């Protein structure tokens, strides 16, 4: 088990791991090279990981649920659409789009382990 865990972390790099030293002998980290406030970098990395996690779990939705969420959240090239616009495009009622959207979001929350957060 430990070997499998270590195999996964072998490709991971810490932002605070020393990469070398500067002319004065001070350690240089990846965070130093990025030249950005550490909190900003950490927030961006966390947001990217959450976005990737969300996209990975969208595969568990049915085709219609996935399509509605992509249009509502602007995940496709079409940009963000209103429920009314989606209803017209799919030939269904706006209230049905709302139900599809709610069902899809509930599924995603369950998959992401955030059930009690909404």
C-alpha atoms as a PDB file:
ATOM      1  CA  UNK A   1       0.000   0.000   0.000  1.00  0.00           C
ATOM      2  CA  UNK A   2       2.786   2.423   0.952  1.00  0.00           C
ATOM      3  CA  UNK A   3       4.581   1.785  -2.339  1.00  0.00           C
ATOM      4  CA  UNK A   4       1.446   2.604  -4.328  1.00  0.00           C
ATOM      5  CA  UNK A   5       1.032   5.839  -2.368  1.00  0.00           C
ATOM      6  CA  UNK A   6       4.651   6.831  -2.954  1.00  0.00           C
ATOM      7  CA  UNK A   7       4.332   6.106  -6.682  1.00  0.00           C
ATOM      8  CA  UNK A   8       1.503   8.656  -6.900  1.00  0.00           C
ATOM      9  CA  UNK A   9       3.420  11.342  -4.995  1.00  0.00           C
ATOM     10  CA  UNK A  10       6.665  10.862  -6.934  1.00  0.00           C
ATOM     11  CA  UNK A  11       5.457  13.251  -9.650  1.00  0.00           C
ATOM     12  CA  UNK A  12       4.218  15.857  -7.172  1.00  0.00           C
ATOM     13  CA  UNK A  13       6.343  18.913  -6.460  1.00  0.00           C
ATOM     14  CA  UNK A  14       6.056  21.121  -3.399  1.00  0.00           C
ATOM     15  CA  UNK A  15       6.008  24.875  -3.918  1.00  0.00           C
ATOM     16  CA  UNK A  16       8.203  25.199  -0.827  1.00  0.00           C
ATOM     17  CA  UNK A  17      10.761  22.489  -1.660  1.00  0.00           C
ATOM     18  CA  UNK A  18      14.284  23.918  -2.087  1.00  0.00           C
ATOM     19  CA  UNK A  19      15.428  23.954  -5.714  1.00  0.00           C
ATOM     20  CA  UNK A  20      18.894  25.324  -5.119  1.00  0.00           C
ATOM     21  CA  UNK A  21      20.665  28.342  -3.673  1.00  0.00           C
ATOM     22  CA  UNK A  22      21.205  31.923  -4.778  1.00  0.00           C
ATOM     23  CA  UNK A  23      24.559  33.798  -4.864  1.00  0.00           C
ATOM     24  CA  UNK A  24      24.388  34.488  -1.124  1.00  0.00           C
ATOM     25  CA  UNK A  25      23.705  30.845  -0.282  1.00  0.00           C
ATOM     26  CA  UNK A  26      20.004  31.286   0.514  1.00  0.00           C
ATOM     27  CA  UNK A  27      17.686  28.461  -0.491  1.00  0.00           C
ATOM     28  CA  UNK A  28      15.477  29.149  -3.509  1.00  0.00           C
ATOM     29  CA  UNK A  29      12.043  27.539  -3.690  1.00  0.00           C
ATOM     30  CA  UNK A  30       9.634  27.243  -6.585  1.00  0.00           C
ATOM     31  CA  UNK A  31       7.487  29.842  -4.825  1.00  0.00           C
ATOM     32  CA  UNK A  32      10.415  32.301  -4.950  1.00  0.00           C
ATOM     33  CA  UNK A  33      10.827  31.758  -8.688  1.00  0.00           C
ATOM     34  CA  UNK A  34       7.122  32.277  -9.366  1.00  0.00           C
ATOM     35  CA  UNK A  35       7.435  35.711  -7.770  1.00  0.00           C
ATOM     36  CA  UNK A  36       3.829  35.827  -6.627  1.00  0.00           C
ATOM     37  CA  UNK A  37       2.259  36.106  -3.221  1.00  0.00           C
ATOM     38  CA  UNK A  38       2.177  32.513  -1.847  1.00  0.00           C
ATOM     39  CA  UNK A  39      -1.513  32.777  -0.970  1.00  0.00           C
ATOM     40  CA  UNK A  40      -2.453  33.706  -4.555  1.00  0.00           C
ATOM     41  CA  UNK A  41      -0.560  30.734  -5.979  1.00  0.00           C
ATOM     42  CA  UNK A  42      -2.032  28.361  -3.410  1.00  0.00           C
ATOM     43  CA  UNK A  43      -5.569  29.583  -4.156  1.00  0.00           C
ATOM     44  CA  UNK A  44      -5.065  29.181  -7.920  1.00  0.00           C
ATOM     45  CA  UNK A  45      -3.688  25.669  -7.519  1.00  0.00           C
ATOM     46  CA  UNK A  46      -6.591  24.722  -5.237  1.00  0.00           C
ATOM     47  CA  UNK A  47      -9.131  26.203  -7.676  1.00  0.00           C
ATOM     48  CA  UNK A  48      -7.577  24.279 -10.581  1.00  0.00           C
ATOM     49  CA  UNK A  49      -7.678  21.032  -8.612  1.00  0.00           C
ATOM     50  CA  UNK A  50     -11.329  21.581  -7.677  1.00  0.00           C
ATOM     51  CA  UNK A  51     -12.221  22.412 -11.275  1.00  0.00           C
ATOM     52  CA  UNK A  52     -10.506  19.233 -12.483  1.00  0.00           C
ATOM     53  CA  UNK A  53     -12.315  17.221  -9.805  1.00  0.00           C
ATOM     54  CA  UNK A  54     -15.640  18.691 -10.926  1.00  0.00           C
ATOM     55  CA  UNK A  55     -14.968  17.935 -14.601  1.00  0.00           C
ATOM     56  CA  UNK A  56     -13.939  14.361 -13.777  1.00  0.00           C
ATOM     57  CA  UNK A  57     -17.197  13.794 -11.884  1.00  0.00           C
ATOM     58  CA  UNK A  58     -19.349  15.312 -14.641  1.00  0.00           C
ATOM     59  CA  UNK A  59     -18.767  12.074 -16.529  1.00  0.00           C
ATOM     60  CA  UNK A  60     -21.124  10.414 -14.063  1.00  0.00           C
ATOM     61  CA  UNK A  61     -24.059  12.534 -15.233  1.00  0.00           C
ATOM     62  CA  UNK A  62     -26.335  11.464 -18.059  1.00  0.00           C
ATOM     63  CA  UNK A  63     -25.992  13.249 -21.410  1.00  0.00           C
ATOM     64  CA  UNK A  64     -28.836  15.716 -20.864  1.00  0.00           C
ATOM     65  CA  UNK A  65     -27.736  16.645 -17.325  1.00  0.00           C
ATOM     66  CA  UNK A  66     -24.178  17.195 -18.494  1.00  0.00           C
ATOM     67  CA  UNK A  67     -25.313  19.323 -21.450  1.00  0.00           C
ATOM     68  CA  UNK A  68     -27.581  21.504 -19.286  1.00  0.00           C
ATOM     69  CA  UNK A  69     -24.819  22.115 -16.721  1.00  0.00           C
ATOM     70  CA  UNK A  70     -22.269  22.888 -19.426  1.00  0.00           C
ATOM     71  CA  UNK A  71     -24.586  25.531 -20.872  1.00  0.00           C
ATOM     72  CA  UNK A  72     -25.652  26.949 -17.489  1.00  0.00           C
ATOM     73  CA  UNK A  73     -22.081  27.216 -16.174  1.00  0.00           C
ATOM     74  CA  UNK A  74     -20.462  28.268 -19.445  1.00  0.00           C
ATOM     75  CA  UNK A  75     -18.220  25.196 -19.662  1.00  0.00           C
ATOM     76  CA  UNK A  76     -18.691  24.911 -23.420  1.00  0.00           C
ATOM     77  CA  UNK A  77     -17.703  27.326 -26.169  1.00  0.00           C
ATOM     78  CA  UNK A  78     -21.265  28.655 -26.218  1.00  0.00           C
ATOM     79  CA  UNK A  79     -20.823  30.574 -22.958  1.00  0.00           C
ATOM     80  CA  UNK A  80     -23.315  30.896 -20.095  1.00  0.00           C
ATOM     81  CA  UNK A  81     -26.963  30.405 -21.070  1.00  0.00           C
ATOM     82  CA  UNK A  82     -30.155  31.140 -19.166  1.00  0.00           C
ATOM     83  CA  UNK A  83     -32.640  28.399 -18.372  1.00  0.00           C
ATOM     84  CA  UNK A  84     -34.999  29.964 -20.902  1.00  0.00           C
ATOM     85  CA  UNK A  85     -32.357  29.840 -23.678  1.00  0.00           C
ATOM     86  CA  UNK A  86     -31.543  26.225 -22.868  1.00  0.00           C
ATOM     87  CA  UNK A  87     -35.234  25.312 -22.862  1.00  0.00           C
ATOM     88  CA  UNK A  88     -35.630  26.807 -26.349  1.00  0.00           C
ATOM     89  CA  UNK A  89     -32.532  24.992 -27.622  1.00  0.00           C
ATOM     90  CA  UNK A  90     -33.622  21.616 -26.229  1.00  0.00           C
ATOM     91  CA  UNK A  91     -37.323  22.026 -26.953  1.00  0.00           C
ATOM     92  CA  UNK A  92     -38.390  21.582 -23.334  1.00  0.00           C
ATOM     93  CA  UNK A  93     -39.912  23.853 -20.678  1.00  0.00           C
ATOM     94  CA  UNK A  94     -37.844  26.192 -18.524  1.00  0.00           C
ATOM     95  CA  UNK A  95     -39.094  24.446 -15.382  1.00  0.00           C
ATOM     96  CA  UNK A  96     -37.882  21.099 -16.762  1.00  0.00           C
ATOM     97  CA  UNK A  97     -34.448  22.638 -17.370  1.00  0.00           C
ATOM     98  CA  UNK A  98     -34.507  23.790 -13.732  1.00  0.00           C
ATOM     99  CA  UNK A  99     -35.305  20.261 -12.524  1.00  0.00           C
ATOM    100  CA  UNK A 100     -32.561  18.743 -14.693  1.00  0.00           C
ATOM    101  CA  UNK A 101     -30.081  21.311 -13.391  1.00  0.00           C
ATOM    102  CA  UNK A 102     -31.029  20.670  -9.757  1.00  0.00           C
ATOM    103  CA  UNK A 103     -30.812  16.893 -10.187  1.00  0.00           C
ATOM    104  CA  UNK A 104     -27.387  17.182 -11.864  1.00  0.00           C
ATOM    105  CA  UNK A 105     -26.052  19.481  -9.137  1.00  0.00           C
ATOM    106  CA  UNK A 106     -27.340  17.130  -6.432  1.00  0.00           C
ATOM    107  CA  UNK A 107     -25.548  14.212  -8.122  1.00  0.00           C
ATOM    108  CA  UNK A 108     -22.311  16.201  -8.336  1.00  0.00           C
ATOM    109  CA  UNK A 109     -22.519  17.286  -4.705  1.00  0.00           C
ATOM    110  CA  UNK A 110     -22.997  13.673  -3.680  1.00  0.00           C
ATOM    111  CA  UNK A 111     -20.062  12.512  -5.831  1.00  0.00           C
ATOM    112  CA  UNK A 112     -17.811  15.271  -4.477  1.00  0.00           C
ATOM    113  CA  UNK A 113     -18.787  14.470  -0.897  1.00  0.00           C
ATOM    114  CA  UNK A 114     -20.386  17.893  -0.358  1.00  0.00           C
ATOM    115  CA  UNK A 115     -23.948  16.705   0.209  1.00  0.00           C
ATOM    116  CA  UNK A 116     -24.661  18.770   3.343  1.00  0.00           C
ATOM    117  CA  UNK A 117     -23.009  21.956   2.016  1.00  0.00           C
ATOM    118  CA  UNK A 118     -25.818  23.299  -0.170  1.00  0.00           C
END
